[in-house]
Amino acid sequence: MEQLNWQKSSFSGTNTNCLEIASSAGELVYIRESDDPTTIVTTTRTKLHTWIHGAKAGEFDHLTEA
């Protein structure tokens, strides 16, 4: 895999409980957990964009409620 520039949210404090994201020159986007970077989820920019719109609309709020 090419060298990726991983970044995490400014809301993340330490290397636990946060996700990192990187993109390639093409259409692919990569997502991993900071505390276990060996597993990487690969998706496309279009699919991630669609998912983010759903998240902003509250479609996944029930997954984060205690």
N, C-alpha and C. Protein backbone atom coordinates (compact mmCIF):
# COMPACT_ATOMS: atom_id res chain seq x y z
N MET A 1 0.86 -1.18 0.00
CA MET A 1 0.00 0.00 0.00
C MET A 1 0.90 1.23 0.00
N GLU A 2 0.50 2.21 -0.76
CA GLU A 2 1.27 3.45 -0.83
C GLU A 2 1.33 4.15 0.52
N GLN A 3 2.26 5.04 0.67
CA GLN A 3 2.36 5.83 1.89
C GLN A 3 1.15 6.74 2.00
N LEU A 4 0.40 6.63 3.09
CA LEU A 4 -0.81 7.42 3.28
C LEU A 4 -0.60 8.46 4.38
N ASN A 5 -1.23 9.59 4.25
CA ASN A 5 -1.18 10.63 5.26
C ASN A 5 -2.43 10.51 6.12
N TRP A 6 -2.31 9.80 7.25
CA TRP A 6 -3.45 9.55 8.12
C TRP A 6 -3.74 10.79 8.95
N GLN A 7 -5.02 11.08 9.15
CA GLN A 7 -5.39 12.19 10.01
C GLN A 7 -6.58 11.78 10.86
N LYS A 8 -6.68 12.41 12.04
CA LYS A 8 -7.80 12.12 12.92
C LYS A 8 -8.49 13.43 13.29
N SER A 9 -9.67 13.30 13.82
CA SER A 9 -10.48 14.45 14.18
C SER A 9 -9.79 15.29 15.25
N SER A 10 -10.00 16.57 15.19
CA SER A 10 -9.47 17.45 16.23
C SER A 10 -10.18 17.22 17.57
N PHE A 11 -11.29 16.50 17.56
CA PHE A 11 -12.01 16.16 18.78
C PHE A 11 -11.35 14.99 19.51
N SER A 12 -10.45 14.29 18.86
CA SER A 12 -9.75 13.16 19.46
C SER A 12 -8.61 13.68 20.32
N GLY A 13 -8.54 13.16 21.54
CA GLY A 13 -7.49 13.62 22.44
C GLY A 13 -6.25 12.77 22.40
N THR A 14 -6.41 11.48 22.66
CA THR A 14 -5.28 10.57 22.69
C THR A 14 -5.39 9.60 21.52
N ASN A 15 -4.57 8.57 21.54
CA ASN A 15 -4.62 7.58 20.46
C ASN A 15 -5.64 6.48 20.70
N THR A 16 -6.55 6.68 21.64
CA THR A 16 -7.61 5.71 21.87
C THR A 16 -8.96 6.34 21.54
N ASN A 17 -9.92 5.50 21.21
CA ASN A 17 -11.28 5.92 20.92
C ASN A 17 -11.39 6.92 19.77
N CYS A 18 -10.54 6.75 18.77
CA CYS A 18 -10.68 7.63 17.61
C CYS A 18 -10.39 6.86 16.33
N LEU A 19 -10.92 7.38 15.26
CA LEU A 19 -10.68 6.83 13.93
C LEU A 19 -9.76 7.75 13.16
N GLU A 20 -8.99 7.18 12.27
CA GLU A 20 -8.13 7.95 11.38
C GLU A 20 -8.60 7.71 9.96
N ILE A 21 -8.41 8.68 9.10
CA ILE A 21 -8.85 8.57 7.72
C ILE A 21 -7.73 9.06 6.80
N ALA A 22 -7.62 8.44 5.65
CA ALA A 22 -6.64 8.84 4.64
C ALA A 22 -7.24 8.59 3.27
N SER A 23 -6.70 9.25 2.28
CA SER A 23 -7.18 9.02 0.92
C SER A 23 -6.00 8.89 -0.02
N SER A 24 -6.26 8.23 -1.13
CA SER A 24 -5.24 8.06 -2.15
C SER A 24 -5.49 9.07 -3.26
N ALA A 25 -4.66 9.06 -4.25
CA ALA A 25 -4.82 9.98 -5.37
C ALA A 25 -6.08 9.66 -6.18
N GLY A 26 -6.57 8.45 -6.06
CA GLY A 26 -7.76 8.03 -6.80
C GLY A 26 -9.03 8.26 -6.00
N GLU A 27 -9.96 7.34 -6.17
CA GLU A 27 -11.29 7.45 -5.57
C GLU A 27 -11.35 6.82 -4.17
N LEU A 28 -10.32 6.11 -3.74
CA LEU A 28 -10.41 5.34 -2.50
C LEU A 28 -10.12 6.16 -1.25
N VAL A 29 -10.83 5.80 -0.17
CA VAL A 29 -10.65 6.38 1.15
C VAL A 29 -10.44 5.22 2.12
N TYR A 30 -9.55 5.41 3.09
CA TYR A 30 -9.20 4.36 4.04
C TYR A 30 -9.51 4.85 5.46
N ILE A 31 -10.07 3.95 6.27
CA ILE A 31 -10.44 4.27 7.65
C ILE A 31 -9.86 3.19 8.55
N ARG A 32 -9.26 3.61 9.68
CA ARG A 32 -8.72 2.65 10.65
C ARG A 32 -8.88 3.21 12.05
N GLU A 33 -8.73 2.32 13.05
CA GLU A 33 -8.75 2.73 14.44
C GLU A 33 -7.32 3.08 14.86
N SER A 34 -7.18 4.15 15.62
CA SER A 34 -5.85 4.57 16.06
C SER A 34 -5.17 3.53 16.95
N ASP A 35 -5.95 2.87 17.81
CA ASP A 35 -5.35 1.92 18.73
C ASP A 35 -5.16 0.53 18.13
N ASP A 36 -5.66 0.28 16.92
CA ASP A 36 -5.45 -0.97 16.21
C ASP A 36 -5.38 -0.68 14.71
N PRO A 37 -4.27 -0.12 14.24
CA PRO A 37 -4.18 0.32 12.85
C PRO A 37 -3.98 -0.79 11.83
N THR A 38 -4.01 -2.05 12.27
CA THR A 38 -3.77 -3.15 11.33
C THR A 38 -4.98 -3.46 10.46
N THR A 39 -6.17 -3.15 10.94
CA THR A 39 -7.39 -3.38 10.16
C THR A 39 -7.80 -2.08 9.50
N ILE A 40 -7.91 -2.11 8.19
CA ILE A 40 -8.25 -0.91 7.43
C ILE A 40 -9.49 -1.18 6.59
N VAL A 41 -10.47 -0.30 6.72
CA VAL A 41 -11.68 -0.36 5.90
C VAL A 41 -11.45 0.53 4.69
N THR A 42 -11.75 0.01 3.52
CA THR A 42 -11.59 0.76 2.28
C THR A 42 -12.96 1.03 1.67
N THR A 43 -13.18 2.26 1.27
CA THR A 43 -14.42 2.65 0.62
C THR A 43 -14.11 3.70 -0.45
N THR A 44 -15.13 4.21 -1.09
CA THR A 44 -14.92 5.25 -2.10
C THR A 44 -15.31 6.61 -1.52
N ARG A 45 -14.83 7.65 -2.13
CA ARG A 45 -15.19 9.01 -1.70
C ARG A 45 -16.70 9.21 -1.79
N THR A 46 -17.32 8.70 -2.84
CA THR A 46 -18.76 8.86 -3.03
C THR A 46 -19.55 8.17 -1.93
N LYS A 47 -19.18 6.95 -1.59
CA LYS A 47 -19.89 6.22 -0.52
C LYS A 47 -19.69 6.90 0.83
N LEU A 48 -18.48 7.36 1.11
CA LEU A 48 -18.23 8.04 2.38
C LEU A 48 -19.02 9.34 2.44
N HIS A 49 -19.06 10.07 1.36
CA HIS A 49 -19.81 11.32 1.29
C HIS A 49 -21.30 11.07 1.61
N THR A 50 -21.86 10.02 1.03
CA THR A 50 -23.26 9.66 1.27
C THR A 50 -23.47 9.30 2.74
N TRP A 51 -22.55 8.52 3.30
CA TRP A 51 -22.66 8.11 4.70
C TRP A 51 -22.58 9.32 5.63
N ILE A 52 -21.67 10.24 5.35
CA ILE A 52 -21.52 11.44 6.19
C ILE A 52 -22.81 12.26 6.18
N HIS A 53 -23.45 12.39 5.04
CA HIS A 53 -24.73 13.11 4.98
C HIS A 53 -25.77 12.43 5.87
N GLY A 54 -25.80 11.11 5.87
CA GLY A 54 -26.73 10.40 6.74
C GLY A 54 -26.40 10.61 8.21
N ALA A 55 -25.11 10.61 8.53
CA ALA A 55 -24.69 10.83 9.92
C ALA A 55 -25.05 12.24 10.38
N LYS A 56 -24.84 13.22 9.53
CA LYS A 56 -25.20 14.60 9.88
C LYS A 56 -26.70 14.75 10.07
N ALA A 57 -27.48 13.95 9.38
CA ALA A 57 -28.94 13.99 9.50
C ALA A 57 -29.44 13.21 10.71
N GLY A 58 -28.54 12.56 11.45
CA GLY A 58 -28.92 11.85 12.66
C GLY A 58 -29.34 10.41 12.45
N GLU A 59 -29.12 9.86 11.26
CA GLU A 59 -29.57 8.50 10.97
C GLU A 59 -28.88 7.42 11.80
N PHE A 60 -27.74 7.73 12.39
CA PHE A 60 -26.99 6.73 13.15
C PHE A 60 -26.87 7.07 14.63
N ASP A 61 -27.59 8.09 15.08
CA ASP A 61 -27.51 8.52 16.47
C ASP A 61 -27.83 7.40 17.44
N HIS A 62 -28.75 6.52 17.09
CA HIS A 62 -29.15 5.43 17.99
C HIS A 62 -27.99 4.47 18.26
N LEU A 63 -26.98 4.46 17.41
CA LEU A 63 -25.84 3.56 17.61
C LEU A 63 -24.86 4.08 18.65
N THR A 64 -24.92 5.36 18.97
CA THR A 64 -23.98 5.94 19.92
C THR A 64 -24.62 6.28 21.26
N GLU A 65 -25.90 6.03 21.39
CA GLU A 65 -26.58 6.31 22.66
C GLU A 65 -26.35 5.18 23.64
N ALA A 66 -26.15 5.55 24.88
CA ALA A 66 -25.90 4.55 25.93
C ALA A 66 -27.18 3.94 26.43
